Amino acid sequence: MTGSTDITVRILYQWDEALSQTAGFRPAGSRAALIDWTVLPLPIDESVPDPVMRAVARTAISMGTVAYRLFFKEALPNGVSVYRAPRAWIGKRVLDRMTRTWPADIATAITPEATVDIFFQYWHMQAQTALVLRNDSLSDESMDRLRRARDWRDLPFPADAKLLIAPAVDGEGVLLAAAHRDELDVAVQAVADELRRAGVAVTIGGPV
């Protein structure tokens, strides 16, 4: 575990999206910010630092229930409900995998401790996407998109979500996207406040 005194965090409104490979996670017309960090000395692994995971999880839960893609179902934390993907016939499943539109199981989390699980569900492979819900449930349309969408650029921001959370390349950054700038700013400020309470130095970039 990395101590908070070893970490500095930036929350950016402008960054190199090609380098970070975040463009595909941004629904059409959305506003976004990227959380990145520096850890010294360099860690052995490159997982998301604990204070960043906790800050994002607490912020997300303060805004609503969190729905995310579930790939590993073993030893799930308390506060998680699971919605299994429909099981198609074998030919359809093969086609889904070939076209990169596989349907993932979905989990919903109602506590910060449960929400941290998003960072252990293929986060480093950029397979994860999470939505912070306006209500306690997703519409069928949003559920299907969360199960399947690999590229959100041509999709509208889900009307029943306040915030989308996704990984940068190799999991070394956290993308926050919202339909409206004011909701994005609320999330950014909440993450920064949580990090500062944990003793982490944070800088916030300027507006786009």
Foldseek 3Di string as FASTA:
>chain_A
DAAQVQKAKEKEQDDDCVQQVCQQVAAAQKGKIKMFMDGPPPDPDQADDPLLLLLLLVLLLVQAKKKKFADDDPPQDPQKDKAADDDDPPVVQVVLVVVQFAFTIMMIGNHSVRSSCQSVHCQQVFPMKMFRFNYHDADPVVNSCRRGRPGNHHPHDRPGGAWMWTATHSNRMIMIIGNDPVSNVSSVVSSVVSSVVSVHHYYYYDHD
